[in-house]
């Protein structure tokens, strides 16, 4: 259960922070960095955090458009 909460938190933080970048590659890079560091900081798996963060970053603008 803790892992699921950490994954969700990494996804949310990455999507919010990466949404400021110009394109999908930049958002994915920022998301991976934020997700990896954030996950490692709270004792999670850095690789999983980076993967989830990259996905969140790359999809941030698509989700925003879908919501509107």
Protein backbone atom coordinates (compact mmCIF):
# COMPACT_ATOMS: atom_id res chain seq x y z
CA UNK A 1 0.00 0.00 0.00
CA UNK A 2 2.86 2.38 0.80
CA UNK A 3 4.32 1.78 -2.65
CA UNK A 4 1.03 2.72 -4.30
CA UNK A 5 0.86 5.95 -2.31
CA UNK A 6 4.44 6.82 -3.25
CA UNK A 7 3.75 6.06 -6.90
CA UNK A 8 0.69 8.29 -6.88
CA UNK A 9 2.57 11.09 -5.11
CA UNK A 10 5.45 10.89 -7.60
CA UNK A 11 3.00 10.92 -10.50
CA UNK A 12 1.14 13.96 -9.18
CA UNK A 13 4.28 15.95 -8.33
CA UNK A 14 5.88 15.16 -11.68
CA UNK A 15 2.79 16.11 -13.63
CA UNK A 16 2.48 19.42 -11.82
CA UNK A 17 6.13 20.39 -12.13
CA UNK A 18 6.67 19.08 -15.63
CA UNK A 19 3.62 20.88 -16.99
CA UNK A 20 5.69 24.07 -17.27
CA UNK A 21 8.07 22.71 -19.92
CA UNK A 22 7.74 23.30 -23.67
CA UNK A 23 7.45 19.81 -25.17
CA UNK A 24 6.94 16.15 -24.25
CA UNK A 25 10.67 15.33 -24.13
CA UNK A 26 11.43 18.20 -21.74
CA UNK A 27 8.44 17.32 -19.57
CA UNK A 28 9.47 13.66 -19.47
CA UNK A 29 13.04 14.58 -18.46
CA UNK A 30 11.89 16.89 -15.67
CA UNK A 31 9.30 14.35 -14.56
CA UNK A 32 11.91 11.58 -14.42
CA UNK A 33 14.27 13.71 -12.37
CA UNK A 34 11.59 14.84 -9.93
CA UNK A 35 10.06 11.39 -9.65
CA UNK A 36 13.39 9.64 -9.11
CA UNK A 37 14.70 12.08 -6.53
CA UNK A 38 11.37 12.35 -4.75
CA UNK A 39 10.95 8.60 -4.56
CA UNK A 40 14.48 8.07 -3.27
CA UNK A 41 14.02 10.84 -0.70
CA UNK A 42 11.11 9.02 0.93
CA UNK A 43 12.73 5.60 0.78
CA UNK A 44 11.16 4.33 -2.43
CA UNK A 45 12.70 2.86 -5.55
CA UNK A 46 14.44 5.58 -7.58
CA UNK A 47 14.00 3.72 -10.88
CA UNK A 48 10.28 3.31 -10.40
CA UNK A 49 9.93 6.94 -9.38
CA UNK A 50 11.81 8.06 -12.47
CA UNK A 51 9.70 5.86 -14.74
CA UNK A 52 6.42 7.08 -13.26
CA UNK A 53 7.66 10.66 -13.31
CA UNK A 54 8.67 10.45 -16.97
CA UNK A 55 5.28 9.06 -17.90
CA UNK A 56 3.50 11.76 -15.90
CA UNK A 57 5.60 14.48 -17.48
CA UNK A 58 5.13 13.23 -21.02
CA UNK A 59 1.37 12.94 -20.59
CA UNK A 60 0.79 16.15 -18.59
CA UNK A 61 -0.35 18.26 -21.54
CA UNK A 62 -2.52 15.45 -22.93
CA UNK A 63 -4.33 15.10 -19.62
CA UNK A 64 -4.79 18.86 -19.39
CA UNK A 65 -6.35 18.96 -22.87
CA UNK A 66 -8.63 16.03 -22.05
CA UNK A 67 -9.91 17.76 -18.91
CA UNK A 68 -10.82 20.98 -20.73
